Amino acid sequence: MDAQDPFSRQERIPLNGATLTRESWKIFQIMAEFVEGFERLSAIKPSVSVFGSARVTPEHPHYQLAEEVSRQLSEAGFSVVSGGGPGIMEAANKGAQAGKSPSVGLNIQLPHEQAANAYQDIALHFRHFFSRKVMFVKYASAYVVLPGGFGTLDELAEILTLVQTGKTPRIPIILVHSPFWEKLVDWFREQLVGEGVIDPEDMALFRVVDRPEAVVEAIFDHYEDRGFQPSRQEREILLDL
């Protein structure tokens, strides 16, 4: 056997009993995150999950845009859910608190860039990205995505994939600030649709707006003929999320 083969017997490191026990008990920690999330978030509907960069300051136009978008969502009766950190997450929670609806933060423990902001009426704390992601989706009536980096793009790709594959009900996915998103949208159309890796109708899974009022209008337009409560079929889909 080749000594350089990383899968050779010499290179295998067996798990000892303590490591296996720790891995097994990790399941209960994950369960606890889900149980607390389900219990505390089930009463916040309808809600909107808001995403964007952790790096912008309160003086930045994107921060101010997120704050106003969230204030208008809160005034319109939507709980606003953010990642609980700084930047646009803080702006979202701050704007929500200025309105009449709950401000919710789904905080994550990270080595950097994640200190809980002070504008959360309901604050949950997660160690695991995947359980936190479920909470963003499970109770959301809409996704609002402002300018951001890899984390923001990850959340956008996640909800687009879930809706496209039918693993979650169709909800409004709204990208805010067209100058930031237009080249990405062009790439979707030219490369993804052009190469046939998504269908042309997948471009209708999201829309791009600029004004805070347009965010609220887009959500109400989507639900105008059906209301915010999920149908029986949609509830079954969400159970398997």
C-alpha atoms as a PDB file:
ATOM      1  CA  MET A   1       0.000   0.000   0.000  1.00  0.00           C
ATOM      2  CA  ASP A   2       1.289   3.461  -0.928  1.00  0.00           C
ATOM      3  CA  ALA A   3       2.617   5.208   2.193  1.00  0.00           C
ATOM      4  CA  GLN A   4       1.505   8.544   0.722  1.00  0.00           C
ATOM      5  CA  ASP A   5      -2.083   7.375   0.322  1.00  0.00           C
ATOM      6  CA  PRO A   6      -4.121   9.464   2.797  1.00  0.00           C
ATOM      7  CA  PHE A   7      -6.588   6.576   3.066  1.00  0.00           C
ATOM      8  CA  SER A   8      -3.942   3.996   3.922  1.00  0.00           C
ATOM      9  CA  ARG A   9      -4.190   2.128   7.219  1.00  0.00           C
ATOM     10  CA  GLN A  10      -1.202   3.999   8.618  1.00  0.00           C
ATOM     11  CA  GLU A  11      -2.965   7.341   8.136  1.00  0.00           C
ATOM     12  CA  ARG A  12      -6.267   6.409   9.789  1.00  0.00           C
ATOM     13  CA  ILE A  13      -6.839   7.912  13.205  1.00  0.00           C
ATOM     14  CA  PRO A  14      -9.419   5.910  15.164  1.00  0.00           C
ATOM     15  CA  LEU A  15     -11.969   7.729  17.303  1.00  0.00           C
ATOM     16  CA  ASN A  16     -11.596   6.917  20.983  1.00  0.00           C
ATOM     17  CA  GLY A  17     -14.510   6.368  23.354  1.00  0.00           C
ATOM     18  CA  ALA A  18     -14.450   9.906  24.742  1.00  0.00           C
ATOM     19  CA  THR A  19     -14.630  11.419  21.262  1.00  0.00           C
ATOM     20  CA  LEU A  20     -17.543   9.178  20.264  1.00  0.00           C
ATOM     21  CA  THR A  21     -19.395  10.046  23.462  1.00  0.00           C
ATOM     22  CA  ARG A  22     -18.912  13.750  22.832  1.00  0.00           C
ATOM     23  CA  GLU A  23     -20.185  13.379  19.252  1.00  0.00           C
ATOM     24  CA  SER A  24     -23.241  11.483  20.488  1.00  0.00           C
ATOM     25  CA  TRP A  25     -24.099  14.058  23.143  1.00  0.00           C
ATOM     26  CA  LYS A  26     -23.787  16.768  20.489  1.00  0.00           C
ATOM     27  CA  ILE A  27     -27.104  15.478  19.123  1.00  0.00           C
ATOM     28  CA  PHE A  28     -28.868  16.675  22.283  1.00  0.00           C
ATOM     29  CA  GLN A  29     -27.336  20.133  21.980  1.00  0.00           C
ATOM     30  CA  ILE A  30     -28.612  20.329  18.406  1.00  0.00           C
ATOM     31  CA  MET A  31     -32.059  19.110  19.507  1.00  0.00           C
ATOM     32  CA  ALA A  32     -32.164  21.788  22.192  1.00  0.00           C
ATOM     33  CA  GLU A  33     -31.488  24.503  19.625  1.00  0.00           C
ATOM     34  CA  PHE A  34     -34.361  23.270  17.462  1.00  0.00           C
ATOM     35  CA  VAL A  35     -36.793  22.898  20.377  1.00  0.00           C
ATOM     36  CA  GLU A  36     -36.105  26.389  21.731  1.00  0.00           C
ATOM     37  CA  GLY A  37     -36.363  27.869  18.257  1.00  0.00           C
ATOM     38  CA  PHE A  38     -39.675  26.157  17.514  1.00  0.00           C
ATOM     39  CA  GLU A  39     -41.156  27.168  20.861  1.00  0.00           C
ATOM     40  CA  ARG A  40     -40.077  30.802  20.810  1.00  0.00           C
ATOM     41  CA  LEU A  41     -40.594  31.590  17.133  1.00  0.00           C
ATOM     42  CA  SER A  42     -43.929  29.899  16.485  1.00  0.00           C
ATOM     43  CA  ALA A  43     -45.753  32.943  17.901  1.00  0.00           C
ATOM     44  CA  ILE A  44     -44.020  35.633  15.820  1.00  0.00           C
ATOM     45  CA  LYS A  45     -45.878  35.023  12.521  1.00  0.00           C
ATOM     46  CA  PRO A  46     -46.123  36.684  10.121  1.00  0.00           C
ATOM     47  CA  SER A  47     -42.423  37.419  10.006  1.00  0.00           C
ATOM     48  CA  VAL A  48     -39.819  38.514   7.502  1.00  0.00           C
ATOM     49  CA  SER A  49     -36.188  37.388   7.564  1.00  0.00           C
ATOM     50  CA  VAL A  50     -33.767  40.197   6.701  1.00  0.00           C
ATOM     51  CA  PHE A  51     -30.154  39.659   5.618  1.00  0.00           C
ATOM     52  CA  GLY A  52     -27.154  41.836   4.814  1.00  0.00           C
ATOM     53  CA  SER A  53     -23.565  42.670   5.639  1.00  0.00           C
ATOM     54  CA  ALA A  54     -22.253  42.636   9.205  1.00  0.00           C
ATOM     55  CA  ARG A  55     -19.569  45.159   8.221  1.00  0.00           C
ATOM     56  CA  VAL A  56     -21.468  48.357   7.467  1.00  0.00           C
ATOM     57  CA  THR A  57     -21.623  51.154  10.034  1.00  0.00           C
ATOM     58  CA  PRO A  58     -24.668  53.214  11.064  1.00  0.00           C
ATOM     59  CA  GLU A  59     -23.450  56.024   8.802  1.00  0.00           C
ATOM     60  CA  HIS A  60     -23.547  53.799   5.719  1.00  0.00           C
ATOM     61  CA  PRO A  61     -26.483  54.220   3.306  1.00  0.00           C
ATOM     62  CA  HIS A  62     -27.082  50.448   3.302  1.00  0.00           C
ATOM     63  CA  TYR A  63     -27.497  50.479   7.098  1.00  0.00           C
ATOM     64  CA  GLN A  64     -29.977  53.333   6.857  1.00  0.00           C
ATOM     65  CA  LEU A  65     -31.856  51.598   4.047  1.00  0.00           C
ATOM     66  CA  ALA A  66     -32.122  48.387   6.088  1.00  0.00           C
ATOM     67  CA  GLU A  67     -33.337  50.316   9.125  1.00  0.00           C
ATOM     68  CA  GLU A  68     -36.094  52.010   7.135  1.00  0.00           C
ATOM     69  CA  VAL A  69     -37.125  48.813   5.350  1.00  0.00           C
ATOM     70  CA  SER A  70     -37.433  47.042   8.691  1.00  0.00           C
ATOM     71  CA  ARG A  71     -39.303  49.893  10.345  1.00  0.00           C
ATOM     72  CA  GLN A  72     -41.885  49.820   7.567  1.00  0.00           C
ATOM     73  CA  LEU A  73     -42.163  46.029   7.778  1.00  0.00           C
ATOM     74  CA  SER A  74     -42.671  46.271  11.539  1.00  0.00           C
ATOM     75  CA  GLU A  75     -45.309  48.981  11.164  1.00  0.00           C
ATOM     76  CA  ALA A  76     -47.068  46.806   8.585  1.00  0.00           C
ATOM     77  CA  GLY A  77     -47.385  44.006  11.171  1.00  0.00           C
ATOM     78  CA  PHE A  78     -44.390  41.788  10.370  1.00  0.00           C
ATOM     79  CA  SER A  79     -41.971  40.549  12.992  1.00  0.00           C
ATOM     80  CA  VAL A  80     -38.469  41.195  11.690  1.00  0.00           C
ATOM     81  CA  VAL A  81     -35.878  38.421  12.049  1.00  0.00           C
ATOM     82  CA  SER A  82     -32.170  39.091  11.584  1.00  0.00           C
ATOM     83  CA  GLY A  83     -28.946  37.300  12.406  1.00  0.00           C
ATOM     84  CA  GLY A  84     -28.693  39.358  15.587  1.00  0.00           C
ATOM     85  CA  GLY A  85     -25.242  40.780  14.877  1.00  0.00           C
ATOM     86  CA  PRO A  86     -23.859  44.164  13.811  1.00  0.00           C
ATOM     87  CA  GLY A  87     -24.188  46.030  10.505  1.00  0.00           C
ATOM     88  CA  ILE A  88     -27.362  45.461   8.523  1.00  0.00           C
ATOM     89  CA  MET A  89     -28.495  42.890  11.090  1.00  0.00           C
ATOM     90  CA  GLU A  90     -28.397  45.602  13.742  1.00  0.00           C
ATOM     91  CA  ALA A  91     -30.149  48.036  11.426  1.00  0.00           C
ATOM     92  CA  ALA A  92     -32.928  45.505  10.839  1.00  0.00           C
ATOM     93  CA  ASN A  93     -33.496  44.958  14.554  1.00  0.00           C
ATOM     94  CA  LYS A  94     -33.280  48.670  15.293  1.00  0.00           C
ATOM     95  CA  GLY A  95     -35.820  49.483  12.600  1.00  0.00           C
ATOM     96  CA  ALA A  96     -38.136  46.742  13.846  1.00  0.00           C
ATOM     97  CA  GLN A  97     -38.040  48.105  17.396  1.00  0.00           C
ATOM     98  CA  ALA A  98     -39.006  51.528  16.063  1.00  0.00           C
ATOM     99  CA  GLY A  99     -42.178  49.922  14.694  1.00  0.00           C
ATOM    100  CA  LYS A 100     -44.917  47.999  16.463  1.00  0.00           C
ATOM    101  CA  SER A 101     -43.881  44.391  15.846  1.00  0.00           C
ATOM    102  CA  PRO A 102     -41.278  42.144  17.514  1.00  0.00           C
ATOM    103  CA  SER A 103     -37.589  42.421  16.701  1.00  0.00           C
ATOM    104  CA  VAL A 104     -35.959  38.977  16.632  1.00  0.00           C
ATOM    105  CA  GLY A 105     -32.267  38.033  16.536  1.00  0.00           C
ATOM    106  CA  LEU A 106     -30.932  34.581  15.705  1.00  0.00           C
ATOM    107  CA  ASN A 107     -27.429  34.963  17.063  1.00  0.00           C
ATOM    108  CA  ILE A 108     -24.536  32.672  16.124  1.00  0.00           C
ATOM    109  CA  GLN A 109     -21.270  32.068  17.955  1.00  0.00           C
ATOM    110  CA  LEU A 110     -18.409  33.039  15.616  1.00  0.00           C
ATOM    111  CA  PRO A 111     -14.690  33.770  16.085  1.00  0.00           C
ATOM    112  CA  HIS A 112     -15.272  37.303  14.764  1.00  0.00           C
ATOM    113  CA  GLU A 113     -17.954  39.628  13.375  1.00  0.00           C
ATOM    114  CA  GLN A 114     -20.733  38.470  15.661  1.00  0.00           C
ATOM    115  CA  ALA A 115     -21.544  40.414  18.799  1.00  0.00           C
ATOM    116  CA  ALA A 116     -25.246  40.549  19.631  1.00  0.00           C
ATOM    117  CA  ASN A 117     -26.815  43.915  18.916  1.00  0.00           C
ATOM    118  CA  ALA A 118     -28.900  45.745  21.521  1.00  0.00           C
ATOM    119  CA  TYR A 119     -32.171  45.922  19.574  1.00  0.00           C
ATOM    120  CA  GLN A 120     -33.617  42.421  20.059  1.00  0.00           C
ATOM    121  CA  ASP A 121     -36.951  41.760  21.761  1.00  0.00           C
ATOM    122  CA  ILE A 122     -36.437  38.025  21.254  1.00  0.00           C
ATOM    123  CA  ALA A 123     -32.861  36.726  21.155  1.00  0.00           C
ATOM    124  CA  LEU A 124     -31.904  33.128  20.406  1.00  0.00           C
ATOM    125  CA  HIS A 125     -28.342  31.847  20.433  1.00  0.00           C
ATOM    126  CA  PHE A 126     -27.014  29.093  18.175  1.00  0.00           C
ATOM    127  CA  ARG A 127     -23.772  27.163  17.873  1.00  0.00           C
ATOM    128  CA  HIS A 128     -24.766  25.485  14.624  1.00  0.00           C
ATOM    129  CA  PHE A 129     -25.361  27.278  11.356  1.00  0.00           C
ATOM    130  CA  PHE A 130     -27.687  24.584  10.030  1.00  0.00           C
ATOM    131  CA  SER A 131     -30.204  24.778  12.907  1.00  0.00           C
ATOM    132  CA  ARG A 132     -30.139  28.588  12.711  1.00  0.00           C
ATOM    133  CA  LYS A 133     -30.819  28.396   8.969  1.00  0.00           C
ATOM    134  CA  VAL A 134     -33.930  26.305   9.560  1.00  0.00           C
ATOM    135  CA  MET A 135     -35.276  28.994  11.897  1.00  0.00           C
ATOM    136  CA  PHE A 136     -34.768  31.705   9.283  1.00  0.00           C
ATOM    137  CA  VAL A 137     -36.892  29.726   6.822  1.00  0.00           C
ATOM    138  CA  LYS A 138     -39.491  27.908   8.893  1.00  0.00           C
ATOM    139  CA  TYR A 139     -41.544  30.908  10.034  1.00  0.00           C
ATOM    140  CA  ALA A 140     -40.698  33.395   7.281  1.00  0.00           C
ATOM    141  CA  SER A 141     -43.418  34.924   5.138  1.00  0.00           C
ATOM    142  CA  ALA A 142     -40.706  36.585   3.034  1.00  0.00           C
ATOM    143  CA  TYR A 143     -36.944  36.949   2.630  1.00  0.00           C
ATOM    144  CA  VAL A 144     -35.490  40.443   2.257  1.00  0.00           C
ATOM    145  CA  VAL A 145     -31.853  40.496   1.173  1.00  0.00           C
ATOM    146  CA  LEU A 146     -29.782  43.674   1.312  1.00  0.00           C
ATOM    147  CA  PRO A 147     -26.157  44.078   0.175  1.00  0.00           C
ATOM    148  CA  GLY A 148     -23.808  41.658   1.881  1.00  0.00           C
ATOM    149  CA  GLY A 149     -20.961  39.207   1.526  1.00  0.00           C
ATOM    150  CA  PHE A 150     -20.566  35.429   1.514  1.00  0.00           C
ATOM    151  CA  GLY A 151     -22.967  34.863   4.408  1.00  0.00           C
ATOM    152  CA  THR A 152     -25.681  36.901   2.719  1.00  0.00           C
ATOM    153  CA  LEU A 153     -25.144  35.107  -0.592  1.00  0.00           C
ATOM    154  CA  ASP A 154     -25.282  31.784   1.244  1.00  0.00           C
ATOM    155  CA  GLU A 155     -28.699  32.625   2.706  1.00  0.00           C
ATOM    156  CA  LEU A 156     -29.942  33.819  -0.679  1.00  0.00           C
ATOM    157  CA  ALA A 157     -28.793  30.633  -2.409  1.00  0.00           C
ATOM    158  CA  GLU A 158     -30.343  28.563   0.374  1.00  0.00           C
ATOM    159  CA  ILE A 159     -33.843  30.017   0.033  1.00  0.00           C
ATOM    160  CA  LEU A 160     -33.714  30.012  -3.777  1.00  0.00           C
ATOM    161  CA  THR A 161     -32.783  26.321  -3.699  1.00  0.00           C
ATOM    162  CA  LEU A 162     -35.474  25.413  -1.165  1.00  0.00           C
ATOM    163  CA  VAL A 163     -38.208  27.193  -3.119  1.00  0.00           C
ATOM    164  CA  GLN A 164     -36.977  25.931  -6.501  1.00  0.00           C
ATOM    165  CA  THR A 165     -36.970  22.315  -5.294  1.00  0.00           C
ATOM    166  CA  GLY A 166     -40.288  22.581  -3.460  1.00  0.00           C
ATOM    167  CA  LYS A 167     -38.760  21.917  -0.030  1.00  0.00           C
ATOM    168  CA  THR A 168     -40.376  25.090   1.285  1.00  0.00           C
ATOM    169  CA  PRO A 169     -43.480  26.977   0.102  1.00  0.00           C
ATOM    170  CA  ARG A 170     -43.119  29.777  -2.410  1.00  0.00           C
ATOM    171  CA  ILE A 171     -42.485  33.036  -0.561  1.00  0.00           C
ATOM    172  CA  PRO A 172     -41.374  36.478  -1.770  1.00  0.00           C
ATOM    173  CA  ILE A 173     -37.598  36.730  -2.117  1.00  0.00           C
ATOM    174  CA  ILE A 174     -36.751  40.406  -2.424  1.00  0.00           C
ATOM    175  CA  LEU A 175     -33.320  41.821  -3.239  1.00  0.00           C
ATOM    176  CA  VAL A 176     -32.982  45.452  -2.173  1.00  0.00           C
ATOM    177  CA  HIS A 177     -30.810  48.055  -3.930  1.00  0.00           C
ATOM    178  CA  SER A 178     -30.555  47.224  -7.614  1.00  0.00           C
ATOM    179  CA  PRO A 179     -27.082  48.800  -8.220  1.00  0.00           C
ATOM    180  CA  PHE A 180     -25.617  46.158  -5.897  1.00  0.00           C
ATOM    181  CA  TRP A 181     -27.479  43.184  -7.392  1.00  0.00           C
ATOM    182  CA  GLU A 182     -27.751  43.962 -11.093  1.00  0.00           C
ATOM    183  CA  LYS A 183     -24.514  42.288 -12.231  1.00  0.00           C
ATOM    184  CA  LEU A 184     -25.302  39.144 -10.249  1.00  0.00           C
ATOM    185  CA  VAL A 185     -28.797  39.035 -11.761  1.00  0.00           C
ATOM    186  CA  ASP A 186     -27.306  39.513 -15.236  1.00  0.00           C
ATOM    187  CA  TRP A 187     -24.940  36.603 -14.526  1.00  0.00           C
ATOM    188  CA  PHE A 188     -27.862  34.432 -13.449  1.00  0.00           C
ATOM    189  CA  ARG A 189     -29.619  35.207 -16.719  1.00  0.00           C
ATOM    190  CA  GLU A 190     -26.637  35.000 -19.060  1.00  0.00           C
ATOM    191  CA  GLN A 191     -24.727  32.102 -17.497  1.00  0.00           C
ATOM    192  CA  LEU A 192     -27.134  29.998 -15.440  1.00  0.00           C
ATOM    193  CA  VAL A 193     -30.097  30.280 -17.777  1.00  0.00           C
ATOM    194  CA  GLY A 194     -27.821  30.455 -20.821  1.00  0.00           C
ATOM    195  CA  GLU A 195     -26.039  27.236 -19.859  1.00  0.00           C
ATOM    196  CA  GLY A 196     -29.302  25.538 -19.014  1.00  0.00           C
ATOM    197  CA  VAL A 197     -28.432  24.869 -15.375  1.00  0.00           C
ATOM    198  CA  ILE A 198     -31.565  26.704 -14.223  1.00  0.00           C
ATOM    199  CA  ASP A 199     -34.829  27.254 -16.092  1.00  0.00           C
ATOM    200  CA  PRO A 200     -35.804  30.699 -17.430  1.00  0.00           C
ATOM    201  CA  GLU A 201     -38.824  30.726 -15.088  1.00  0.00           C
ATOM    202  CA  ASP A 202     -36.481  30.397 -12.090  1.00  0.00           C
ATOM    203  CA  MET A 203     -35.638  34.058 -12.605  1.00  0.00           C
ATOM    204  CA  ALA A 204     -39.152  34.809 -11.332  1.00  0.00           C
ATOM    205  CA  LEU A 205     -38.341  33.297  -7.928  1.00  0.00           C
ATOM    206  CA  PHE A 206     -37.029  36.685  -6.791  1.00  0.00           C
ATOM    207  CA  ARG A 207     -37.454  40.353  -7.547  1.00  0.00           C
ATOM    208  CA  VAL A 208     -35.248  43.408  -7.164  1.00  0.00           C
ATOM    209  CA  VAL A 209     -36.529  46.666  -5.655  1.00  0.00           C
ATOM    210  CA  ASP A 210     -35.041  49.916  -4.414  1.00  0.00           C
ATOM    211  CA  ARG A 211     -37.591  51.667  -2.201  1.00  0.00           C
ATOM    212  CA  PRO A 212     -38.537  50.480   1.311  1.00  0.00           C
ATOM    213  CA  GLU A 213     -42.213  50.878   0.397  1.00  0.00           C
ATOM    214  CA  ALA A 214     -41.699  48.551  -2.563  1.00  0.00           C
ATOM    215  CA  VAL A 215     -40.568  45.793  -0.206  1.00  0.00           C
ATOM    216  CA  VAL A 216     -43.800  45.956   1.778  1.00  0.00           C
ATOM    217  CA  GLU A 217     -45.883  46.245  -1.390  1.00  0.00           C
ATOM    218  CA  ALA A 218     -44.229  43.186  -2.940  1.00  0.00           C
ATOM    219  CA  ILE A 219     -45.022  41.065   0.108  1.00  0.00           C
ATOM    220  CA  PHE A 220     -48.656  42.148   0.299  1.00  0.00           C
ATOM    221  CA  ASP A 221     -49.049  41.635  -3.453  1.00  0.00           C
ATOM    222  CA  HIS A 222     -47.854  38.050  -3.082  1.00  0.00           C
ATOM    223  CA  TYR A 223     -50.353  37.252  -0.317  1.00  0.00           C
ATOM    224  CA  GLU A 224     -53.248  39.372  -1.566  1.00  0.00           C
ATOM    225  CA  ASP A 225     -55.409  36.419  -2.658  1.00  0.00           C
ATOM    226  CA  ARG A 226     -54.461  33.856  -0.020  1.00  0.00           C
ATOM    227  CA  GLY A 227     -53.510  35.360   3.350  1.00  0.00           C
ATOM    228  CA  PHE A 228     -50.408  34.681   5.416  1.00  0.00           C
ATOM    229  CA  GLN A 229     -51.407  31.383   7.005  1.00  0.00           C
ATOM    230  CA  PRO A 230     -49.848  28.385   5.247  1.00  0.00           C
ATOM    231  CA  SER A 231     -52.206  25.907   3.649  1.00  0.00           C
ATOM    232  CA  ARG A 232     -52.451  22.344   4.952  1.00  0.00           C
ATOM    233  CA  GLN A 233     -50.141  21.200   2.155  1.00  0.00           C
ATOM    234  CA  GLU A 234     -47.627  23.945   2.984  1.00  0.00           C
ATOM    235  CA  ARG A 235     -47.675  22.973   6.667  1.00  0.00           C
ATOM    236  CA  GLU A 236     -46.795  19.420   5.674  1.00  0.00           C
ATOM    237  CA  ILE A 237     -43.921  20.699   3.540  1.00  0.00           C
ATOM    238  CA  LEU A 238     -42.591  22.768   6.444  1.00  0.00           C
ATOM    239  CA  LEU A 239     -42.700  19.749   8.748  1.00  0.00           C
ATOM    240  CA  ASP A 240     -40.164  18.061   6.460  1.00  0.00           C
ATOM    241  CA  LEU A 241     -37.946  21.141   6.037  1.00  0.00           C
END
